[in-house]
Amino acid sequence: MSTLAYPPDVESQIAEKAVMVTSRAARWRLRLELMRNLAVRDVETRYKHSLLGLYWAIINPLVTAGIFSFVFQVIFHASSKPIPYVVFLLSGLTFWNFFTNGMMSATVSVSGNAALLAKIYFPRVVLPTAAILARLIDFAFSALILLVFIVLYRVPVHWTLVFLPLVLLVQIGFTLGVGFIVAALNVLYRDVTQLVGLLLMAWFYFSPIMYRITVVPARIRPFLLLNPMGATVEAERNLLFTGHLLHPHYLDAAVVSTVAVLAVGYWIFRRVEPLFAEVM
């Protein structure tokens, strides 16, 4: 995977902003501005030399949904009634892809910016945070595609979708927590990138993304829903198409897990942060 390098103009902006500040409010304003600049630059860098640019954010979920729809609906006759399978699959992939893309971006966010870290000081935790939040652009395009398919297939949605941002906030928090951990560990052990890829592949199949949780044997369902990503994706689908949460207690568990993972991830990142300069 290619490393992310920021051009001199962004480095100079960060250097100008990364000065000693005395008030807590000023420090938070600095961090927010850095995250915004780095997130925007992340999107620009990712698509700058691409022929299709941001259109890849539309093409990728469409191709993935097309392949899985053919394999599981045509060959294995998977059913998601009363929701058309392609809409069911896209609804899962839309939320899942934000998580997996954010994880992969966070993993290399620190190790891929050794030159930037060597030049100036700024809060290192900004790097994985900006890398993950930048993936909200891809999420927005995927959500737009999902909306188009919902309209084309005339799938009814419920007013409870107004609560989707709250569940998405839980998902973002969980992604940040895990992202802090893998970003820090990847500085020390570069094979973490490969390990994260394998972990995400297994995680995908153990989450109810391409299958309904009701087709899973009852004795196995709790294990899949105790997975925070399984619980949040299931809740997001429920809010869209069912109108109520079918497994609210598992979403409660996901919220608790998210708070714990976010706190532990931040703690691990700050503990490993002093070693960044020595390793890189």
Foldseek 3Di string as FASTA:
>chain_A
DAFDEDDPVLLVVLQVLPDDDDDPVSLVVSLVVNLVSLLVRLLCVVQVPPPCRLCCLVVVLVVVLVVLCCCCCVPVVADDPPDPLSLLLLLLCLLLVLLLQLQLQLLRQQVRYLVSVVPHDDPPLSRSLSSSVSSVSSSVSSVVVSVVVCVVVVAAWAPLLVCLVVLSVLSSLQSSLSSLQSNLVCLVPVCSSVVSVVVSVVLVVLACNNHDLVVDPPVCSVVSLLPLSNVSSQQNVCNTHPVDRPCVVSNVSSSVVSVVSNVVSVVNNVVSVVCNNVSD
